[in-house]
Amino acid sequence: MLPKAVITPYDVDGQVEGLRITGLEEVKHLEELGLRNGDVIRAVNGHRLTSKQKASQAVVNIELLRDNKIRTLSFRLS
């Protein structure tokens, strides 16, 4: 979902508090989802992100209704 975004650790007093996302101008439609350059993602699906490894394991699941059928879309953050 974010292949062109740059994801870097965001730390406070030496502790990783999340992952900062930049380069979103290269990713279409993310602004419509509410993401902005410089945002820090602290958790996904209730799980804290404390490393890029955790972000690569994080999966966002979206359930939608299309043509009267329920579909699930899954996206990895990296």
C-alpha atoms as a PDB file:
ATOM      1  CA  MET A   1       0.000   0.000   0.000  1.00  0.00           C
ATOM      2  CA  LEU A   2       2.867   2.377   0.755  1.00  0.00           C
ATOM      3  CA  PRO A   3       5.617   1.167  -1.607  1.00  0.00           C
ATOM      4  CA  LYS A   4       6.880   4.662  -2.484  1.00  0.00           C
ATOM      5  CA  ALA A   5       6.585   6.111   1.003  1.00  0.00           C
ATOM      6  CA  VAL A   6       9.646   6.531   3.211  1.00  0.00           C
ATOM      7  CA  ILE A   7       9.161   4.970   6.644  1.00  0.00           C
ATOM      8  CA  THR A   8      11.590   5.855   9.438  1.00  0.00           C
ATOM      9  CA  PRO A   9      11.537   5.244  13.195  1.00  0.00           C
ATOM     10  CA  TYR A  10      10.244   8.106  15.320  1.00  0.00           C
ATOM     11  CA  ASP A  11      11.825   8.115  18.730  1.00  0.00           C
ATOM     12  CA  VAL A  12      11.392  10.158  21.861  1.00  0.00           C
ATOM     13  CA  ASP A  13      14.161  10.050  24.464  1.00  0.00           C
ATOM     14  CA  GLY A  14      15.682   6.993  22.750  1.00  0.00           C
ATOM     15  CA  GLN A  15      12.426   5.010  22.666  1.00  0.00           C
ATOM     16  CA  VAL A  16      10.721   4.247  19.355  1.00  0.00           C
ATOM     17  CA  GLU A  17       7.195   5.647  19.604  1.00  0.00           C
ATOM     18  CA  GLY A  18       6.086   4.842  16.062  1.00  0.00           C
ATOM     19  CA  LEU A  19       7.074   5.165  12.417  1.00  0.00           C
ATOM     20  CA  ARG A  20       7.156   8.482  10.543  1.00  0.00           C
ATOM     21  CA  ILE A  21       5.870   8.458   6.962  1.00  0.00           C
ATOM     22  CA  THR A  22       7.176  10.837   4.312  1.00  0.00           C
ATOM     23  CA  GLY A  23       7.178  10.770   0.520  1.00  0.00           C
ATOM     24  CA  LEU A  24       3.394  10.534   0.365  1.00  0.00           C
ATOM     25  CA  GLU A  25       3.262  12.950  -2.539  1.00  0.00           C
ATOM     26  CA  GLU A  26       4.406   9.935  -4.609  1.00  0.00           C
ATOM     27  CA  VAL A  27       1.447   7.809  -3.448  1.00  0.00           C
ATOM     28  CA  LYS A  28      -1.902   8.696  -4.999  1.00  0.00           C
ATOM     29  CA  HIS A  29      -5.095   8.929  -2.946  1.00  0.00           C
ATOM     30  CA  LEU A  30      -3.541   8.578   0.513  1.00  0.00           C
ATOM     31  CA  GLU A  31      -4.545  12.102   1.414  1.00  0.00           C
ATOM     32  CA  GLU A  32      -8.153  10.994   0.888  1.00  0.00           C
ATOM     33  CA  LEU A  33      -7.540   8.344   3.561  1.00  0.00           C
ATOM     34  CA  GLY A  34      -6.399  11.054   5.951  1.00  0.00           C
ATOM     35  CA  LEU A  35      -2.627  10.447   5.863  1.00  0.00           C
ATOM     36  CA  ARG A  36      -0.220  13.373   5.559  1.00  0.00           C
ATOM     37  CA  ASN A  37       3.524  13.716   5.118  1.00  0.00           C
ATOM     38  CA  GLY A  38       5.249  13.578   8.482  1.00  0.00           C
ATOM     39  CA  ASP A  39       2.497  11.618  10.233  1.00  0.00           C
ATOM     40  CA  VAL A  40       3.701   9.110  12.816  1.00  0.00           C
ATOM     41  CA  ILE A  41       1.869   5.799  12.820  1.00  0.00           C
ATOM     42  CA  ARG A  42       1.892   4.573  16.404  1.00  0.00           C
ATOM     43  CA  ALA A  43      -0.258   1.454  16.034  1.00  0.00           C
ATOM     44  CA  VAL A  44      -2.019  -0.651  13.420  1.00  0.00           C
ATOM     45  CA  ASN A  45      -4.982  -2.823  14.343  1.00  0.00           C
ATOM     46  CA  GLY A  46      -4.192  -2.071  17.978  1.00  0.00           C
ATOM     47  CA  HIS A  47      -0.574  -3.277  17.734  1.00  0.00           C
ATOM     48  CA  ARG A  48       2.185  -0.770  18.531  1.00  0.00           C
ATOM     49  CA  LEU A  49       4.742  -0.181  15.794  1.00  0.00           C
ATOM     50  CA  THR A  50       8.194  -0.007  17.292  1.00  0.00           C
ATOM     51  CA  SER A  51      10.283  -1.051  14.284  1.00  0.00           C
ATOM     52  CA  LYS A  52      10.213  -1.189  10.506  1.00  0.00           C
ATOM     53  CA  GLN A  53      10.110  -4.971  10.864  1.00  0.00           C
ATOM     54  CA  LYS A  54       6.818  -4.726  12.751  1.00  0.00           C
ATOM     55  CA  ALA A  55       5.481  -2.412  10.045  1.00  0.00           C
ATOM     56  CA  SER A  56       6.344  -4.939   7.356  1.00  0.00           C
ATOM     57  CA  GLN A  57       4.406  -7.557   9.317  1.00  0.00           C
ATOM     58  CA  ALA A  58       1.418  -5.288   9.884  1.00  0.00           C
ATOM     59  CA  VAL A  59      -1.546  -6.028   7.699  1.00  0.00           C
ATOM     60  CA  VAL A  60      -4.515  -3.705   7.341  1.00  0.00           C
ATOM     61  CA  ASN A  61      -7.732  -5.533   6.544  1.00  0.00           C
ATOM     62  CA  ILE A  62     -10.647  -3.710   4.939  1.00  0.00           C
ATOM     63  CA  GLU A  63     -14.028  -5.335   4.566  1.00  0.00           C
ATOM     64  CA  LEU A  64     -16.264  -3.906   1.874  1.00  0.00           C
ATOM     65  CA  LEU A  65     -19.502  -4.625   0.101  1.00  0.00           C
ATOM     66  CA  ARG A  66     -19.295  -4.727  -3.695  1.00  0.00           C
ATOM     67  CA  ASP A  67     -22.046  -5.977  -5.989  1.00  0.00           C
ATOM     68  CA  ASN A  68     -23.924  -7.298  -2.927  1.00  0.00           C
ATOM     69  CA  LYS A  69     -20.937  -9.471  -1.960  1.00  0.00           C
ATOM     70  CA  ILE A  70     -18.677  -8.986   1.025  1.00  0.00           C
ATOM     71  CA  ARG A  71     -15.005  -8.768   0.098  1.00  0.00           C
ATOM     72  CA  THR A  72     -11.920  -8.383   2.223  1.00  0.00           C
ATOM     73  CA  LEU A  73      -8.890  -6.448   1.021  1.00  0.00           C
ATOM     74  CA  SER A  74      -5.581  -6.830   2.844  1.00  0.00           C
ATOM     75  CA  PHE A  75      -2.662  -4.429   2.568  1.00  0.00           C
ATOM     76  CA  ARG A  76       0.835  -4.605   4.017  1.00  0.00           C
ATOM     77  CA  LEU A  77       2.315  -1.300   5.122  1.00  0.00           C
ATOM     78  CA  SER A  78       5.573  -1.867   3.306  1.00  0.00           C
END
